[in-house]
Amino acid sequence: MTNPKPYWNPYVAGVLLGLVLLATFLIAGQGLGASAFPKRTLALAAHEVAPTWTAANAQLGPYVADGANPLRNWLVIEVVAVILGGFLGAVLGGRFKATVERGPNITVKNRLLLAFGGGIVMGFAAALARGCTSGQALSGGAMLATGSWVFMMMFFAGAYALAYAVRRQWI
């Protein structure tokens, strides 16, 4: 593998992310988010297996109401574009490789278990909060929603508290 290109300046990347968020509000009429994608995928799969149950389910039913395709939505396109963009960015930046980033004091297996567990907790929390981190912090924060700002503060407080507990895995 060749030498990877340097990372973008975080301030430039932040401004560009802000412009992307503004564009989504202007073009799509809504902000950024990702938590709807797994729920929409689940609704599609559940509807294939048990259409009557899915239609009657309070959480999944609205996605398949009146024969609607749950994947026909702006946020689904956004998530697919983020995955493709991440792949393209890794390839163009010379950073595409199969590896598990980890500290010196943790095994690959334990790193993957922690990542998987953290993902489950974040997914459950996103369902409770009615939005993922990007939807709450970026989109809700941009609209000055009080709940989104409280979410951001609690998210960072929880991350700092947990970081202290697992710091020995990384140093």
N, C-alpha and C. Protein backbone atom coordinates (compact mmCIF):
# COMPACT_ATOMS: atom_id res chain seq x y z
N MET A 1 0.85 -1.18 0.00
CA MET A 1 0.00 0.00 0.00
C MET A 1 0.89 1.24 0.00
N THR A 2 0.52 2.23 -0.77
CA THR A 2 1.28 3.47 -0.82
C THR A 2 1.05 4.29 0.43
N ASN A 3 1.84 5.31 0.59
CA ASN A 3 1.66 6.19 1.74
C ASN A 3 0.30 6.87 1.66
N PRO A 4 -0.46 6.83 2.75
CA PRO A 4 -1.78 7.46 2.70
C PRO A 4 -1.66 8.98 2.65
N LYS A 5 -2.66 9.60 2.03
CA LYS A 5 -2.73 11.06 1.97
C LYS A 5 -3.07 11.58 3.36
N PRO A 6 -2.68 12.82 3.65
CA PRO A 6 -3.01 13.37 4.98
C PRO A 6 -4.53 13.56 5.11
N TYR A 7 -5.00 13.50 6.36
CA TYR A 7 -6.41 13.75 6.62
C TYR A 7 -6.76 15.20 6.31
N TRP A 8 -8.02 15.44 6.03
CA TRP A 8 -8.48 16.81 5.79
C TRP A 8 -8.34 17.63 7.07
N ASN A 9 -8.24 18.92 6.90
CA ASN A 9 -8.28 19.84 8.02
C ASN A 9 -9.67 19.71 8.65
N PRO A 10 -9.77 19.48 9.96
CA PRO A 10 -11.09 19.27 10.58
C PRO A 10 -12.00 20.48 10.49
N TYR A 11 -11.43 21.68 10.44
CA TYR A 11 -12.28 22.88 10.33
C TYR A 11 -12.89 22.98 8.93
N VAL A 12 -12.10 22.66 7.92
CA VAL A 12 -12.61 22.65 6.54
C VAL A 12 -13.68 21.56 6.41
N ALA A 13 -13.41 20.38 6.95
CA ALA A 13 -14.38 19.28 6.89
C ALA A 13 -15.66 19.67 7.63
N GLY A 14 -15.54 20.35 8.76
CA GLY A 14 -16.73 20.79 9.52
C GLY A 14 -17.56 21.78 8.73
N VAL A 15 -16.91 22.73 8.06
CA VAL A 15 -17.64 23.70 7.24
C VAL A 15 -18.34 22.99 6.08
N LEU A 16 -17.64 22.04 5.45
CA LEU A 16 -18.26 21.29 4.36
C LEU A 16 -19.45 20.46 4.85
N LEU A 17 -19.32 19.85 6.02
CA LEU A 17 -20.45 19.10 6.58
C LEU A 17 -21.63 20.04 6.85
N GLY A 18 -21.36 21.22 7.36
CA GLY A 18 -22.42 22.21 7.57
C GLY A 18 -23.11 22.59 6.27
N LEU A 19 -22.34 22.73 5.20
CA LEU A 19 -22.93 23.07 3.90
C LEU A 19 -23.76 21.90 3.35
N VAL A 20 -23.30 20.68 3.58
CA VAL A 20 -24.08 19.50 3.17
C VAL A 20 -25.40 19.47 3.95
N LEU A 21 -25.34 19.74 5.25
CA LEU A 21 -26.56 19.77 6.07
C LEU A 21 -27.52 20.85 5.57
N LEU A 22 -27.01 22.02 5.27
CA LEU A 22 -27.85 23.10 4.73
C LEU A 22 -28.48 22.66 3.41
N ALA A 23 -27.69 22.02 2.55
CA ALA A 23 -28.22 21.56 1.26
C ALA A 23 -29.33 20.53 1.45
N THR A 24 -29.19 19.64 2.43
CA THR A 24 -30.25 18.64 2.63
C THR A 24 -31.54 19.30 3.10
N PHE A 25 -31.43 20.33 3.93
CA PHE A 25 -32.63 21.06 4.34
C PHE A 25 -33.28 21.75 3.14
N LEU A 26 -32.46 22.36 2.28
CA LEU A 26 -33.00 23.09 1.14
C LEU A 26 -33.53 22.18 0.03
N ILE A 27 -32.83 21.08 -0.23
CA ILE A 27 -33.21 20.21 -1.35
C ILE A 27 -34.21 19.14 -0.93
N ALA A 28 -33.92 18.43 0.16
CA ALA A 28 -34.76 17.30 0.57
C ALA A 28 -35.84 17.71 1.57
N GLY A 29 -35.70 18.89 2.16
CA GLY A 29 -36.68 19.34 3.13
C GLY A 29 -36.51 18.70 4.50
N GLN A 30 -35.38 18.06 4.73
CA GLN A 30 -35.10 17.46 6.03
C GLN A 30 -33.59 17.36 6.19
N GLY A 31 -33.16 17.10 7.42
CA GLY A 31 -31.74 17.05 7.73
C GLY A 31 -31.14 15.68 7.54
N LEU A 32 -29.96 15.52 8.13
CA LEU A 32 -29.22 14.26 8.04
C LEU A 32 -29.64 13.32 9.16
N GLY A 33 -29.47 12.05 8.94
CA GLY A 33 -29.78 11.03 9.93
C GLY A 33 -29.55 9.66 9.33
N ALA A 34 -29.48 8.65 10.18
CA ALA A 34 -29.23 7.31 9.67
C ALA A 34 -30.07 6.23 10.34
N SER A 35 -30.68 6.53 11.48
CA SER A 35 -31.35 5.48 12.24
C SER A 35 -32.59 4.94 11.55
N ALA A 36 -33.14 5.65 10.60
CA ALA A 36 -34.32 5.16 9.90
C ALA A 36 -33.98 4.01 8.95
N PHE A 37 -32.74 3.94 8.50
CA PHE A 37 -32.36 2.91 7.53
C PHE A 37 -32.54 1.49 8.08
N PRO A 38 -31.99 1.16 9.27
CA PRO A 38 -32.20 -0.21 9.77
C PRO A 38 -33.67 -0.52 10.03
N LYS A 39 -34.41 0.47 10.51
CA LYS A 39 -35.83 0.24 10.80
C LYS A 39 -36.61 0.02 9.50
N ARG A 40 -36.28 0.76 8.48
CA ARG A 40 -36.95 0.59 7.18
C ARG A 40 -36.59 -0.77 6.57
N THR A 41 -35.32 -1.18 6.71
CA THR A 41 -34.90 -2.49 6.21
C THR A 41 -35.63 -3.60 6.96
N LEU A 42 -35.74 -3.46 8.28
CA LEU A 42 -36.48 -4.43 9.09
C LEU A 42 -37.95 -4.48 8.68
N ALA A 43 -38.53 -3.31 8.42
CA ALA A 43 -39.93 -3.28 7.99
C ALA A 43 -40.12 -4.02 6.67
N LEU A 44 -39.19 -3.84 5.75
CA LEU A 44 -39.28 -4.53 4.46
C LEU A 44 -39.17 -6.05 4.65
N ALA A 45 -38.18 -6.48 5.45
CA ALA A 45 -37.99 -7.92 5.68
C ALA A 45 -39.19 -8.52 6.42
N ALA A 46 -39.67 -7.82 7.44
CA ALA A 46 -40.82 -8.32 8.21
C ALA A 46 -42.06 -8.40 7.33
N HIS A 47 -42.23 -7.44 6.45
CA HIS A 47 -43.40 -7.43 5.57
C HIS A 47 -43.38 -8.61 4.60
N GLU A 48 -42.17 -9.01 4.18
CA GLU A 48 -42.04 -10.17 3.30
C GLU A 48 -42.42 -11.47 4.02
N VAL A 49 -42.07 -11.55 5.32
CA VAL A 49 -42.30 -12.77 6.09
C VAL A 49 -43.70 -12.79 6.71
N ALA A 50 -44.12 -11.68 7.29
CA ALA A 50 -45.41 -11.61 7.99
C ALA A 50 -46.10 -10.28 7.70
N PRO A 51 -46.70 -10.14 6.52
CA PRO A 51 -47.28 -8.85 6.12
C PRO A 51 -48.39 -8.35 7.05
N THR A 52 -49.23 -9.23 7.53
CA THR A 52 -50.34 -8.79 8.40
C THR A 52 -49.80 -8.27 9.72
N TRP A 53 -48.85 -9.01 10.31
CA TRP A 53 -48.25 -8.58 11.58
C TRP A 53 -47.53 -7.24 11.41
N THR A 54 -46.78 -7.10 10.31
CA THR A 54 -46.03 -5.87 10.08
C THR A 54 -46.97 -4.69 9.92
N ALA A 55 -48.04 -4.87 9.16
CA ALA A 55 -48.99 -3.78 8.94
C ALA A 55 -49.65 -3.37 10.26
N ALA A 56 -49.86 -4.32 11.16
CA ALA A 56 -50.51 -4.01 12.44
C ALA A 56 -49.54 -3.50 13.50
N ASN A 57 -48.24 -3.64 13.25
CA ASN A 57 -47.22 -3.21 14.22
C ASN A 57 -47.14 -1.69 14.24
N ALA A 58 -47.21 -1.12 15.44
CA ALA A 58 -47.20 0.35 15.58
C ALA A 58 -45.90 0.98 15.10
N GLN A 59 -44.78 0.27 15.23
CA GLN A 59 -43.49 0.83 14.83
C GLN A 59 -43.20 0.62 13.34
N LEU A 60 -43.55 -0.54 12.80
CA LEU A 60 -43.20 -0.87 11.42
C LEU A 60 -44.33 -0.63 10.44
N GLY A 61 -45.56 -0.67 10.92
CA GLY A 61 -46.72 -0.52 10.05
C GLY A 61 -46.72 0.72 9.17
N PRO A 62 -46.39 1.89 9.71
CA PRO A 62 -46.41 3.10 8.87
C PRO A 62 -45.47 3.03 7.67
N TYR A 63 -44.42 2.23 7.76
CA TYR A 63 -43.47 2.14 6.65
C TYR A 63 -44.02 1.33 5.47
N VAL A 64 -45.00 0.47 5.72
CA VAL A 64 -45.56 -0.37 4.66
C VAL A 64 -47.03 -0.05 4.38
N ALA A 65 -47.54 1.01 5.00
CA ALA A 65 -48.95 1.37 4.82
C ALA A 65 -49.26 1.67 3.36
N ASP A 66 -50.42 1.24 2.93
CA ASP A 66 -50.90 1.47 1.57
C ASP A 66 -49.93 0.97 0.50
N GLY A 67 -49.23 -0.13 0.79
CA GLY A 67 -48.33 -0.75 -0.18
C GLY A 67 -47.03 0.00 -0.42
N ALA A 68 -46.68 0.91 0.48
CA ALA A 68 -45.46 1.70 0.31
C ALA A 68 -44.22 0.82 0.43
N ASN A 69 -43.18 1.19 -0.30
CA ASN A 69 -41.89 0.52 -0.18
C ASN A 69 -41.08 1.27 0.87
N PRO A 70 -40.71 0.62 1.98
CA PRO A 70 -40.00 1.32 3.06
C PRO A 70 -38.64 1.88 2.63
N LEU A 71 -38.05 1.32 1.58
CA LEU A 71 -36.73 1.78 1.15
C LEU A 71 -36.80 2.96 0.19
N ARG A 72 -37.99 3.39 -0.15
CA ARG A 72 -38.14 4.53 -1.05
C ARG A 72 -38.21 5.80 -0.19
N ASN A 73 -37.02 6.25 0.22
CA ASN A 73 -36.95 7.38 1.14
C ASN A 73 -35.58 8.04 1.02
N TRP A 74 -35.55 9.33 1.28
CA TRP A 74 -34.32 10.11 1.19
C TRP A 74 -33.23 9.56 2.10
N LEU A 75 -33.55 9.18 3.32
CA LEU A 75 -32.53 8.73 4.26
C LEU A 75 -31.88 7.41 3.83
N VAL A 76 -32.60 6.59 3.12
CA VAL A 76 -32.02 5.34 2.60
C VAL A 76 -30.96 5.70 1.55
N ILE A 77 -31.29 6.63 0.66
CA ILE A 77 -30.33 7.09 -0.34
C ILE A 77 -29.11 7.69 0.35
N GLU A 78 -29.34 8.46 1.40
CA GLU A 78 -28.25 9.09 2.14
C GLU A 78 -27.30 8.05 2.73
N VAL A 79 -27.84 7.02 3.39
CA VAL A 79 -27.00 6.01 4.02
C VAL A 79 -26.19 5.25 2.97
N VAL A 80 -26.82 4.89 1.87
CA VAL A 80 -26.09 4.20 0.80
C VAL A 80 -24.98 5.10 0.25
N ALA A 81 -25.28 6.39 0.08
CA ALA A 81 -24.27 7.33 -0.41
C ALA A 81 -23.13 7.50 0.59
N VAL A 82 -23.42 7.50 1.88
CA VAL A 82 -22.37 7.60 2.90
C VAL A 82 -21.45 6.38 2.84
N ILE A 83 -22.03 5.20 2.69
CA ILE A 83 -21.22 3.97 2.60
C ILE A 83 -20.33 4.02 1.35
N LEU A 84 -20.91 4.38 0.22
CA LEU A 84 -20.12 4.47 -1.02
C LEU A 84 -19.08 5.58 -0.92
N GLY A 85 -19.44 6.72 -0.34
CA GLY A 85 -18.49 7.82 -0.18
C GLY A 85 -17.34 7.46 0.74
N GLY A 86 -17.64 6.74 1.82
CA GLY A 86 -16.58 6.29 2.72
C GLY A 86 -15.62 5.34 2.03
N PHE A 87 -16.18 4.42 1.25
CA PHE A 87 -15.34 3.48 0.49
C PHE A 87 -14.47 4.23 -0.51
N LEU A 88 -15.07 5.15 -1.26
CA LEU A 88 -14.33 5.91 -2.25
C LEU A 88 -13.25 6.77 -1.60
N GLY A 89 -13.59 7.41 -0.47
CA GLY A 89 -12.62 8.23 0.25
C GLY A 89 -11.45 7.40 0.75
N ALA A 90 -11.71 6.19 1.25
CA ALA A 90 -10.64 5.32 1.73
C ALA A 90 -9.73 4.89 0.59
N VAL A 91 -10.31 4.56 -0.55
CA VAL A 91 -9.52 4.14 -1.70
C VAL A 91 -8.68 5.31 -2.21
N LEU A 92 -9.30 6.47 -2.43
CA LEU A 92 -8.58 7.63 -2.95
C LEU A 92 -7.55 8.17 -1.96
N GLY A 93 -7.80 8.01 -0.66
CA GLY A 93 -6.86 8.47 0.35
C GLY A 93 -5.74 7.48 0.64
N GLY A 94 -5.77 6.32 -0.01
CA GLY A 94 -4.74 5.31 0.22
C GLY A 94 -4.87 4.63 1.57
N ARG A 95 -6.08 4.60 2.13
CA ARG A 95 -6.28 4.01 3.46
C ARG A 95 -7.16 2.76 3.44
N PHE A 96 -7.49 2.26 2.28
CA PHE A 96 -8.37 1.09 2.22
C PHE A 96 -7.57 -0.17 2.50
N LYS A 97 -7.88 -0.82 3.61
CA LYS A 97 -7.24 -2.08 3.96
C LYS A 97 -8.12 -2.79 4.98
N ALA A 98 -7.98 -4.09 5.04
CA ALA A 98 -8.73 -4.88 6.00
C ALA A 98 -7.94 -4.92 7.31
N THR A 99 -8.42 -4.20 8.31
CA THR A 99 -7.73 -4.14 9.59
C THR A 99 -8.72 -3.81 10.69
N VAL A 100 -8.34 -4.07 11.90
CA VAL A 100 -9.15 -3.68 13.06
C VAL A 100 -8.30 -2.71 13.87
N GLU A 101 -8.75 -1.47 13.96
CA GLU A 101 -8.03 -0.48 14.75
C GLU A 101 -8.21 -0.81 16.22
N ARG A 102 -7.11 -0.88 16.93
CA ARG A 102 -7.19 -1.24 18.34
C ARG A 102 -5.96 -0.74 19.07
N GLY A 103 -6.06 -0.68 20.37
CA GLY A 103 -4.93 -0.32 21.20
C GLY A 103 -4.07 -1.53 21.49
N PRO A 104 -2.93 -1.31 22.14
CA PRO A 104 -2.01 -2.43 22.39
C PRO A 104 -2.48 -3.40 23.47
N ASN A 105 -3.46 -3.02 24.25
CA ASN A 105 -3.88 -3.86 25.38
C ASN A 105 -5.23 -4.54 25.18
N ILE A 106 -5.64 -4.69 23.94
CA ILE A 106 -6.92 -5.36 23.67
C ILE A 106 -6.76 -6.27 22.46
N THR A 107 -7.40 -7.43 22.52
CA THR A 107 -7.34 -8.36 21.40
C THR A 107 -8.33 -7.93 20.32
N VAL A 108 -8.12 -8.43 19.12
CA VAL A 108 -9.04 -8.13 18.02
C VAL A 108 -10.45 -8.60 18.39
N LYS A 109 -10.56 -9.80 18.97
CA LYS A 109 -11.87 -10.33 19.35
C LYS A 109 -12.57 -9.41 20.34
N ASN A 110 -11.86 -8.98 21.39
CA ASN A 110 -12.48 -8.10 22.37
C ASN A 110 -12.81 -6.73 21.79
N ARG A 111 -11.97 -6.24 20.88
CA ARG A 111 -12.26 -4.95 20.23
C ARG A 111 -13.54 -5.06 19.42
N LEU A 112 -13.70 -6.13 18.69
CA LEU A 112 -14.91 -6.33 17.89
C LEU A 112 -16.13 -6.52 18.79
N LEU A 113 -15.97 -7.24 19.90
CA LEU A 113 -17.08 -7.41 20.84
C LEU A 113 -17.50 -6.07 21.45
N LEU A 114 -16.52 -5.25 21.83
CA LEU A 114 -16.85 -3.92 22.37
C LEU A 114 -17.54 -3.05 21.32
N ALA A 115 -17.03 -3.10 20.09
CA ALA A 115 -17.64 -2.30 19.02
C ALA A 115 -19.07 -2.76 18.74
N PHE A 116 -19.28 -4.07 18.69
CA PHE A 116 -20.61 -4.62 18.45
C PHE A 116 -21.56 -4.25 19.59
N GLY A 117 -21.09 -4.42 20.83
CA GLY A 117 -21.90 -4.05 22.00
C GLY A 117 -22.24 -2.57 22.01
N GLY A 118 -21.25 -1.74 21.70
CA GLY A 118 -21.50 -0.31 21.63
C GLY A 118 -22.50 0.05 20.55
N GLY A 119 -22.43 -0.65 19.42
CA GLY A 119 -23.38 -0.40 18.34
C GLY A 119 -24.80 -0.77 18.74
N ILE A 120 -24.95 -1.87 19.47
CA ILE A 120 -26.28 -2.27 19.94
C ILE A 120 -26.83 -1.24 20.92
N VAL A 121 -25.99 -0.79 21.85
CA VAL A 121 -26.44 0.23 22.81
C VAL A 121 -26.82 1.51 22.07
N MET A 122 -26.00 1.94 21.11
CA MET A 122 -26.31 3.17 20.35
C MET A 122 -27.60 3.00 19.54
N GLY A 123 -27.80 1.82 18.94
CA GLY A 123 -29.02 1.60 18.18
C GLY A 123 -30.26 1.64 19.05
N PHE A 124 -30.18 1.01 20.22
CA PHE A 124 -31.30 1.04 21.16
C PHE A 124 -31.55 2.47 21.63
N ALA A 125 -30.48 3.18 21.95
CA ALA A 125 -30.62 4.57 22.40
C ALA A 125 -31.19 5.46 21.30
N ALA A 126 -30.80 5.21 20.05
CA ALA A 126 -31.33 5.99 18.94
C ALA A 126 -32.83 5.78 18.80
N ALA A 127 -33.29 4.56 19.03
CA ALA A 127 -34.72 4.29 18.99
C ALA A 127 -35.45 5.02 20.11
N LEU A 128 -34.85 5.01 21.31
CA LEU A 128 -35.47 5.72 22.44
C LEU A 128 -35.48 7.23 22.23
N ALA A 129 -34.38 7.75 21.65
CA ALA A 129 -34.25 9.20 21.45
C ALA A 129 -34.98 9.68 20.20
N ARG A 130 -35.51 8.74 19.43
CA ARG A 130 -36.19 9.04 18.17
C ARG A 130 -35.25 9.70 17.17
N GLY A 131 -34.01 9.23 17.17
CA GLY A 131 -33.04 9.73 16.21
C GLY A 131 -31.63 9.33 16.59
N CYS A 132 -30.80 9.16 15.59
CA CYS A 132 -29.41 8.78 15.82
C CYS A 132 -28.59 10.02 16.18
N THR A 133 -27.32 9.80 16.42
CA THR A 133 -26.44 10.89 16.81
C THR A 133 -26.42 11.97 15.74
N SER A 134 -26.30 11.58 14.48
CA SER A 134 -26.25 12.59 13.42
C SER A 134 -27.58 13.32 13.29
N GLY A 135 -28.67 12.59 13.40
CA GLY A 135 -29.97 13.25 13.30
C GLY A 135 -30.23 14.18 14.46
N GLN A 136 -29.93 13.71 15.68
CA GLN A 136 -30.15 14.53 16.88
C GLN A 136 -29.19 15.71 16.92
N ALA A 137 -27.88 15.41 16.85
CA ALA A 137 -26.89 16.46 17.05
C ALA A 137 -26.80 17.42 15.88
N LEU A 138 -26.69 16.90 14.67
CA LEU A 138 -26.53 17.78 13.52
C LEU A 138 -27.84 18.46 13.12
N SER A 139 -28.82 17.65 12.77
CA SER A 139 -30.07 18.22 12.27
C SER A 139 -30.86 18.92 13.36
N GLY A 140 -31.06 18.24 14.49
CA GLY A 140 -31.79 18.87 15.59
C GLY A 140 -31.05 20.06 16.17
N GLY A 141 -29.73 19.93 16.31
CA GLY A 141 -28.93 21.05 16.82
C GLY A 141 -28.98 22.25 15.89
N ALA A 142 -28.97 22.00 14.58
CA ALA A 142 -29.04 23.10 13.61
C ALA A 142 -30.37 23.82 13.69
N MET A 143 -31.43 23.10 14.10
CA MET A 143 -32.75 23.73 14.24
C MET A 143 -32.95 24.29 15.64
N LEU A 144 -31.87 24.23 16.46
CA LEU A 144 -31.88 24.75 17.83
C LEU A 144 -32.92 24.06 18.71
N ALA A 145 -33.15 22.78 18.47
CA ALA A 145 -34.09 22.01 19.28
C ALA A 145 -33.46 21.75 20.65
N THR A 146 -34.14 22.13 21.70
CA THR A 146 -33.62 21.98 23.06
C THR A 146 -33.25 20.54 23.36
N GLY A 147 -34.12 19.60 22.99
CA GLY A 147 -33.85 18.20 23.25
C GLY A 147 -32.59 17.71 22.57
N SER A 148 -32.30 18.22 21.38
CA SER A 148 -31.10 17.82 20.66
C SER A 148 -29.85 18.34 21.36
N TRP A 149 -29.91 19.56 21.88
CA TRP A 149 -28.76 20.11 22.59
C TRP A 149 -28.53 19.36 23.90
N VAL A 150 -29.61 19.01 24.59
CA VAL A 150 -29.47 18.21 25.82
C VAL A 150 -28.88 16.86 25.47
N PHE A 151 -29.36 16.25 24.39
CA PHE A 151 -28.83 14.98 23.92
C PHE A 151 -27.32 15.08 23.68
N MET A 152 -26.89 16.12 22.97
CA MET A 152 -25.46 16.27 22.68
C MET A 152 -24.63 16.36 23.96
N MET A 153 -25.09 17.15 24.91
CA MET A 153 -24.35 17.30 26.17
C MET A 153 -24.27 15.95 26.91
N MET A 154 -25.37 15.23 26.96
CA MET A 154 -25.37 13.93 27.64
C MET A 154 -24.55 12.90 26.87
N PHE A 155 -24.58 12.97 25.56
CA PHE A 155 -23.79 12.06 24.73
C PHE A 155 -22.30 12.24 25.02
N PHE A 156 -21.85 13.49 25.03
CA PHE A 156 -20.44 13.75 25.30
C PHE A 156 -20.08 13.41 26.75
N ALA A 157 -20.96 13.69 27.68
CA ALA A 157 -20.69 13.35 29.08
C ALA A 157 -20.56 11.84 29.24
N GLY A 158 -21.46 11.10 28.62
CA GLY A 158 -21.39 9.64 28.68
C GLY A 158 -20.14 9.10 28.00
N ALA A 159 -19.77 9.69 26.87
CA ALA A 159 -18.57 9.24 26.16
C ALA A 159 -17.32 9.49 26.99
N TYR A 160 -17.23 10.66 27.61
CA TYR A 160 -16.07 10.95 28.45
C TYR A 160 -16.02 10.01 29.66
N ALA A 161 -17.15 9.74 30.26
CA ALA A 161 -17.18 8.85 31.43
C ALA A 161 -16.77 7.43 31.03
N LEU A 162 -17.27 6.95 29.91
CA LEU A 162 -16.92 5.60 29.46
C LEU A 162 -15.47 5.54 28.97
N ALA A 163 -15.00 6.61 28.35
CA ALA A 163 -13.61 6.64 27.87
C ALA A 163 -12.64 6.43 29.02
N TYR A 164 -12.94 7.00 30.17
CA TYR A 164 -12.09 6.82 31.33
C TYR A 164 -12.07 5.34 31.75
N ALA A 165 -13.21 4.70 31.65
CA ALA A 165 -13.31 3.30 32.07
C ALA A 165 -12.56 2.35 31.14
N VAL A 166 -12.45 2.68 29.86
CA VAL A 166 -11.81 1.77 28.89
C VAL A 166 -10.47 2.30 28.39
N ARG A 167 -9.95 3.35 29.01
CA ARG A 167 -8.74 4.00 28.51
C ARG A 167 -7.54 3.05 28.44
N ARG A 168 -7.47 2.09 29.35
CA ARG A 168 -6.32 1.18 29.38
C ARG A 168 -6.27 0.27 28.14
N GLN A 169 -7.40 0.14 27.45
CA GLN A 169 -7.41 -0.67 26.22
C GLN A 169 -6.68 0.04 25.09
N TRP A 170 -6.54 1.36 25.18
CA TRP A 170 -6.01 2.15 24.08
C TRP A 170 -4.62 2.73 24.35
N ILE A 171 -4.17 2.71 25.59
CA ILE A 171 -2.86 3.32 25.87
C ILE A 171 -1.87 2.29 26.41
